[in-house]
Amino acid sequence: ANADIAKDQKETDTLLDGVLLTQGASSGGGGKSKEETLKEVAAQISDSLPPLFDLETANYKYPVEYYESMNSVLCQELVRYNRLLAVIHKSIGDFGLALRGRIVMTGELDALGSAMYDGKIPAMWAKKSYPSLKPLAAYVSELLKRLAMLQKWIDEGAPPRFWITGFFFTHAFLTGVLQNFARKRKLPIDSVVFDFKAMPSTADFSKKPEDGAFCHGIFMEGCKWDENTMLLQESDPKVLYTDAPTFWFVPTTVDARAEFPHYVCPIYRTAERRGVLATTGHSSNFVINLTIPSDQPQNHWIKRGVAGLLSLSY
């Protein structure tokens, strides 16, 4: 069963992590030295990453507006990603200097090198980063995709359909969508909630909806989406993750929510499915409960551990 595969995979990952910890740091006789490998990895990452975003230009182009919260969401996202970029750029620069003997190789820089050599996200980056379980190469690749999304937003304006994975602080984006609706309709923000509408793949996403937002990028674990019936279905054997459809996050009032047979599907940022409460009162991992059309009772999908993920572990 898929659940057994997922469990065995996690146990294997834990075992291999343990093996890596006990492995000696010396390199084998034939290949490159550890130092040469690290120089290459550091150079590849450094060369691929763009400079920090120009916040002054972004704030001028997207000023704070009462009826357009997305401007504030964008500028806040740029600040968060700049903090992460600054740490990565500086730490890689310092690590290069330490390898050449220009500065002292501190414990932090040594840990950075060990993590890069093992293909893991360095702890000093993780402190300033969004949650991620990806190995280093996949993490950098996804980071570049996130940065490209924001750069395109700066250049061309808010997209008609949002890649929800790309947000550093997803809760701020969702609150911004609700705020726009509440201010437009002159409603108190605490009376406004989301309805969710699964969209067919043939839908036109070239224009943003009048209210709410089209969002894509969610992965489903423990089930799949049937485009023909527009309902949740059982996973195919040995397929652990599938793409969810694009969802229309539709703001509405609590008493006007649509009633239909559904599964209340929790959405998490990573497959870890647990987090801590931040100072904002939000979980560091749980995002929102999505109502997804289903012809099976809630319990059916709970037993299968069905959830949505914004980012996979590879």
Protein backbone atom coordinates (compact mmCIF):
# COMPACT_ATOMS: atom_id res chain seq x y z
CA ALA A 1 0.00 0.00 0.00
CA ASN A 2 1.08 3.60 -0.57
CA ALA A 3 0.99 4.30 3.18
CA ASP A 4 3.53 1.49 3.77
CA ILE A 5 5.78 2.87 1.01
CA ALA A 6 5.69 6.35 2.61
CA LYS A 7 6.43 4.90 6.08
CA ASP A 8 9.33 2.77 4.77
CA GLN A 9 10.71 5.77 2.87
CA LYS A 10 10.75 7.90 6.04
CA GLU A 11 12.45 5.12 8.03
CA THR A 12 15.08 4.70 5.30
CA ASP A 13 15.74 8.46 5.22
CA THR A 14 16.22 8.46 9.01
CA LEU A 15 18.60 5.49 8.77
CA LEU A 16 20.67 7.09 6.00
CA ASP A 17 20.86 10.36 7.96
CA GLY A 18 22.30 8.36 10.85
CA VAL A 19 24.87 6.70 8.57
CA LEU A 20 25.95 10.12 7.25
CA LEU A 21 26.49 11.39 10.79
CA THR A 22 28.84 8.51 11.60
CA GLN A 23 30.71 8.75 8.28
CA GLY A 24 34.23 10.14 8.36
CA ALA A 25 34.96 13.44 6.64
CA SER A 26 37.98 12.19 4.67
CA SER A 27 37.61 11.75 0.92
CA GLY A 28 38.39 8.61 -1.05
CA GLY A 29 41.56 8.18 -3.06
CA GLY A 30 40.24 8.59 -6.58
CA GLY A 31 37.83 11.52 -6.74
CA LYS A 32 38.04 15.20 -6.02
CA SER A 33 39.04 16.38 -2.57
CA LYS A 34 36.35 17.63 -0.22
CA GLU A 35 37.73 21.17 -0.57
CA GLU A 36 37.52 21.09 -4.39
CA THR A 37 33.96 19.76 -4.26
CA LEU A 38 32.91 22.46 -1.80
CA LYS A 39 34.48 25.21 -3.91
CA GLU A 40 32.47 23.98 -6.91
CA VAL A 41 29.17 23.70 -5.00
CA ALA A 42 29.61 27.14 -3.41
CA ALA A 43 30.45 28.71 -6.79
CA GLN A 44 27.45 27.09 -8.49
CA ILE A 45 25.04 28.36 -5.83
CA SER A 46 26.61 31.83 -5.71
CA ASP A 47 26.52 32.20 -9.52
CA SER A 48 22.90 31.04 -9.80
CA LEU A 49 21.42 33.37 -7.18
CA PRO A 50 20.32 36.88 -8.18
CA PRO A 51 21.23 40.00 -6.17
CA LEU A 52 18.84 41.31 -3.52
CA PHE A 53 15.56 42.84 -4.66
CA ASP A 54 15.47 46.64 -5.01
CA LEU A 55 12.95 47.43 -2.25
CA GLU A 56 12.90 51.17 -2.95
CA THR A 57 11.77 50.65 -6.55
CA ALA A 58 9.22 47.99 -5.54
CA ASN A 59 7.73 50.22 -2.81
CA TYR A 60 7.47 53.10 -5.29
CA LYS A 61 5.84 50.94 -7.95
CA TYR A 62 3.54 49.12 -5.50
CA PRO A 63 2.68 51.64 -2.75
CA VAL A 64 0.47 50.82 0.23
CA GLU A 65 -3.15 51.07 -0.92
CA TYR A 66 -6.29 50.55 1.15
CA TYR A 67 -8.14 48.59 -1.55
CA GLU A 68 -5.12 46.62 -2.86
CA SER A 69 -3.51 44.56 -0.11
CA MET A 70 -1.46 42.59 -2.66
CA ASN A 71 0.95 45.55 -2.92
CA SER A 72 1.81 45.18 0.77
CA VAL A 73 1.97 41.38 0.44
CA LEU A 74 4.51 41.68 -2.40
CA CYS A 75 6.73 44.19 -0.58
CA GLN A 76 6.69 42.12 2.63
CA GLU A 77 7.64 39.02 0.64
CA LEU A 78 10.58 40.87 -0.92
CA VAL A 79 11.85 41.86 2.54
CA ARG A 80 11.69 38.25 3.75
CA TYR A 81 13.44 36.83 0.68
CA ASN A 82 16.08 39.58 0.86
CA ARG A 83 16.94 38.48 4.41
CA LEU A 84 17.43 34.91 3.21
CA LEU A 85 19.41 35.96 0.12
CA ALA A 86 21.66 38.21 2.22
CA VAL A 87 22.53 35.33 4.56
CA ILE A 88 23.24 32.94 1.67
CA HIS A 89 25.39 35.44 -0.25
CA LYS A 90 27.39 36.48 2.83
CA SER A 91 27.91 32.97 4.20
CA ILE A 92 29.08 31.60 0.83
CA GLY A 93 31.41 34.58 0.39
CA ASP A 94 32.86 34.10 3.88
CA PHE A 95 33.19 30.35 3.32
CA GLY A 96 35.20 30.96 0.14
CA LEU A 97 37.50 33.34 2.02
CA ALA A 98 37.93 30.79 4.83
CA LEU A 99 38.82 28.04 2.34
CA ARG A 100 41.55 30.32 0.93
CA GLY A 101 42.82 31.09 4.43
CA ARG A 102 41.85 34.77 4.29
CA ILE A 103 39.58 34.58 7.36
CA VAL A 104 39.16 32.13 10.24
CA MET A 105 37.08 29.00 9.55
CA THR A 106 34.53 29.41 12.37
CA GLY A 107 32.33 26.60 13.69
CA GLU A 108 29.37 28.04 11.78
CA LEU A 109 31.28 28.12 8.49
CA ASP A 110 32.59 24.60 9.08
CA ALA A 111 28.99 23.43 9.66
CA LEU A 112 27.99 25.23 6.45
CA GLY A 113 30.65 23.30 4.52
CA SER A 114 29.63 19.96 6.04
CA ALA A 115 25.96 20.56 5.16
CA MET A 116 26.80 21.55 1.57
CA TYR A 117 29.06 18.50 1.19
CA ASP A 118 26.25 16.24 2.45
CA GLY A 119 23.73 17.96 0.16
CA LYS A 120 21.68 19.43 3.02
CA ILE A 121 20.34 22.90 3.75
CA PRO A 122 22.86 24.65 6.07
CA ALA A 123 21.47 25.51 9.52
CA MET A 124 22.34 29.21 9.19
CA TRP A 125 20.20 29.40 6.03
CA ALA A 126 17.36 27.37 7.55
CA LYS A 127 17.08 29.93 10.38
CA LYS A 128 16.15 32.64 7.87
CA SER A 129 14.28 30.36 5.46
CA TYR A 130 10.75 29.13 4.87
CA PRO A 131 10.33 25.48 5.99
CA SER A 132 11.76 22.95 3.53
CA LEU A 133 12.67 19.25 3.66
CA LYS A 134 14.37 19.28 0.26
CA PRO A 135 18.00 18.32 -0.30
CA LEU A 136 20.27 21.27 -1.07
CA ALA A 137 20.16 21.13 -4.90
CA ALA A 138 16.34 20.89 -4.98
CA TYR A 139 16.08 23.64 -2.33
CA VAL A 140 18.19 26.05 -4.40
CA SER A 141 16.25 25.14 -7.54
CA GLU A 142 12.91 25.88 -5.83
CA LEU A 143 14.31 29.08 -4.31
CA LEU A 144 15.26 30.32 -7.80
CA LYS A 145 11.71 29.56 -9.00
CA ARG A 146 10.26 31.52 -6.05
CA LEU A 147 12.53 34.49 -6.73
CA ALA A 148 11.63 34.42 -10.44
CA MET A 149 7.93 34.51 -9.52
CA LEU A 150 8.43 37.66 -7.44
CA GLN A 151 10.62 39.32 -10.09
CA LYS A 152 7.93 38.70 -12.70
CA TRP A 153 5.34 40.19 -10.31
CA ILE A 154 7.52 43.31 -9.92
CA ASP A 155 8.00 43.63 -13.69
CA GLU A 156 4.51 42.76 -14.93
CA GLY A 157 2.14 43.19 -11.98
CA ALA A 158 0.27 40.59 -9.91
CA PRO A 159 -0.30 37.36 -11.86
CA PRO A 160 -3.85 36.25 -12.75
CA ARG A 161 -3.08 32.88 -11.09
CA PHE A 162 -0.78 32.56 -8.07
CA TRP A 163 1.75 29.79 -7.48
CA ILE A 164 0.87 29.41 -3.80
CA THR A 165 4.10 27.51 -3.03
CA GLY A 166 6.13 30.61 -3.88
CA PHE A 167 5.09 32.65 -0.85
CA PHE A 168 7.47 32.89 2.09
CA PHE A 169 4.56 33.69 4.45
CA THR A 170 1.47 32.13 2.84
CA HIS A 171 -0.85 33.33 5.62
CA ALA A 172 -0.14 36.99 4.75
CA PHE A 173 -1.15 36.35 1.12
CA LEU A 174 -4.41 34.65 2.17
CA THR A 175 -5.21 37.44 4.63
CA GLY A 176 -4.54 39.98 1.86
CA VAL A 177 -7.07 38.26 -0.43
CA LEU A 178 -9.70 38.35 2.34
CA GLN A 179 -8.86 41.98 3.17
CA ASN A 180 -9.39 43.11 -0.41
CA PHE A 181 -12.85 41.54 -0.41
CA ALA A 182 -13.80 42.86 3.04
CA ARG A 183 -12.74 46.44 2.24
CA LYS A 184 -14.43 46.38 -1.16
CA ARG A 185 -17.72 45.19 0.41
CA LYS A 186 -17.26 47.23 3.61
CA LEU A 187 -17.44 44.12 5.79
CA PRO A 188 -15.61 43.40 9.07
CA ILE A 189 -12.59 41.20 8.30
CA ASP A 190 -13.54 38.61 10.95
CA SER A 191 -16.86 37.94 9.16
CA VAL A 192 -15.11 36.93 5.92
CA VAL A 193 -13.94 33.37 5.14
CA PHE A 194 -12.93 31.35 2.09
CA ASP A 195 -15.00 29.07 -0.09
CA PHE A 196 -12.97 26.87 -2.42
CA LYS A 197 -13.84 25.98 -5.97
CA ALA A 198 -11.85 23.33 -7.86
CA MET A 199 -11.33 24.57 -11.41
CA PRO A 200 -11.19 22.40 -14.54
CA SER A 201 -7.84 22.40 -16.34
CA THR A 202 -9.59 23.92 -19.38
CA ALA A 203 -10.59 27.06 -17.43
CA ASP A 204 -9.32 30.46 -18.58
CA PHE A 205 -6.68 31.73 -16.16
CA SER A 206 -5.54 34.65 -18.31
CA LYS A 207 -7.51 37.14 -16.16
CA LYS A 208 -7.76 37.30 -12.40
CA PRO A 209 -11.22 36.69 -10.87
CA GLU A 210 -13.29 39.65 -9.69
CA ASP A 211 -12.98 38.46 -6.09
CA GLY A 212 -10.49 36.07 -4.53
CA ALA A 213 -7.56 34.38 -6.24
CA PHE A 214 -6.75 31.43 -8.47
CA CYS A 215 -4.06 29.32 -6.78
CA HIS A 216 -2.07 26.36 -8.11
CA GLY A 217 0.93 24.37 -6.90
CA ILE A 218 -0.69 22.13 -4.26
CA PHE A 219 0.32 18.45 -4.17
CA MET A 220 -2.07 15.80 -2.84
CA GLU A 221 -0.87 12.94 -0.66
CA GLY A 222 -3.03 9.84 -0.17
CA CYS A 223 -5.47 10.51 -3.01
CA LYS A 224 -5.78 11.91 -6.53
CA TRP A 225 -8.08 14.36 -8.30
CA ASP A 226 -10.36 13.06 -11.04
CA GLU A 227 -10.74 15.70 -13.74
CA ASN A 228 -13.75 13.89 -15.26
CA THR A 229 -15.90 13.56 -12.13
CA MET A 230 -14.33 16.61 -10.40
CA LEU A 231 -14.09 14.52 -7.21
CA LEU A 232 -11.37 13.03 -5.00
CA GLN A 233 -10.45 9.45 -5.94
CA GLU A 234 -8.20 6.70 -4.56
CA SER A 235 -4.49 7.01 -5.34
CA ASP A 236 -3.00 4.85 -8.06
CA PRO A 237 -0.70 2.11 -6.69
CA LYS A 238 2.84 3.33 -5.95
CA VAL A 239 1.94 6.96 -6.71
CA LEU A 240 2.48 8.89 -3.48
CA TYR A 241 1.87 12.45 -4.68
CA THR A 242 -0.34 13.94 -7.39
CA ASP A 243 -1.04 17.48 -8.56
CA ALA A 244 -4.17 19.09 -7.16
CA PRO A 245 -6.28 21.19 -9.53
CA THR A 246 -6.15 24.96 -9.54
CA PHE A 247 -8.42 26.22 -6.76
CA TRP A 248 -10.36 29.44 -6.76
CA PHE A 249 -10.09 30.86 -3.25
CA VAL A 250 -13.45 32.66 -3.10
CA PRO A 251 -13.99 35.11 -0.23
CA THR A 252 -17.49 35.02 1.22
CA THR A 253 -19.27 35.62 4.52
CA VAL A 254 -19.60 32.84 7.10
CA ASP A 255 -23.36 32.45 6.56
CA ALA A 256 -23.08 32.44 2.74
CA ARG A 257 -20.68 29.52 2.37
CA ALA A 258 -21.67 26.96 -0.26
CA GLU A 259 -22.79 23.54 1.00
CA PHE A 260 -21.66 20.46 -0.93
CA PRO A 261 -20.32 16.96 -0.07
CA HIS A 262 -16.66 17.51 0.65
CA TYR A 263 -13.51 16.49 2.48
CA VAL A 264 -11.92 19.05 4.79
CA CYS A 265 -8.33 18.69 3.59
CA PRO A 266 -5.51 20.19 5.69
CA ILE A 267 -2.83 21.97 3.67
CA TYR A 268 0.75 21.93 4.96
CA ARG A 269 3.89 23.60 3.69
CA THR A 270 5.97 20.40 3.93
CA ALA A 271 5.44 16.64 4.34
CA GLU A 272 6.50 16.94 7.99
CA ARG A 273 2.89 18.00 8.68
CA ARG A 274 3.75 19.63 11.96
CA GLY A 275 5.10 22.98 13.02
CA VAL A 276 5.28 25.47 15.85
CA LEU A 277 3.15 28.51 16.54
CA ALA A 278 4.90 31.68 15.42
CA THR A 279 4.60 35.04 17.19
CA THR A 280 1.90 35.94 14.63
CA GLY A 281 -0.30 33.14 16.02
CA HIS A 282 0.05 31.09 12.82
CA SER A 283 1.56 27.63 12.52
CA SER A 284 4.94 27.42 10.82
CA ASN A 285 3.65 24.50 8.73
CA PHE A 286 -0.16 24.25 8.66
CA VAL A 287 -1.67 26.71 6.16
CA ILE A 288 -5.44 26.25 5.81
CA ASN A 289 -8.22 23.66 5.56
CA LEU A 290 -9.41 23.25 1.98
CA THR A 291 -12.91 21.90 1.24
CA ILE A 292 -12.56 19.51 -1.72
CA PRO A 293 -15.55 17.85 -3.45
CA SER A 294 -15.86 14.16 -2.50
CA ASP A 295 -18.50 11.42 -2.66
CA GLN A 296 -16.91 9.62 0.31
CA PRO A 297 -17.38 10.46 4.02
CA GLN A 298 -14.70 12.47 5.84
CA ASN A 299 -13.50 9.37 7.71
CA HIS A 300 -12.65 7.59 4.46
CA TRP A 301 -9.93 10.10 3.60
CA ILE A 302 -8.77 10.62 7.19
CA LYS A 303 -7.88 6.90 7.37
CA ARG A 304 -5.73 7.37 4.26
CA GLY A 305 -3.98 10.39 5.77
CA VAL A 306 -5.03 12.62 2.89
CA ALA A 307 -3.49 16.09 2.98
CA GLY A 308 -2.26 18.78 0.64
CA LEU A 309 1.40 19.86 0.53
CA LEU A 310 2.88 23.04 -0.90
CA SER A 311 6.36 21.57 -1.26
CA LEU A 312 7.64 18.00 -1.57
CA SER A 313 10.73 16.53 0.08
CA TYR A 314 12.72 16.11 -3.16
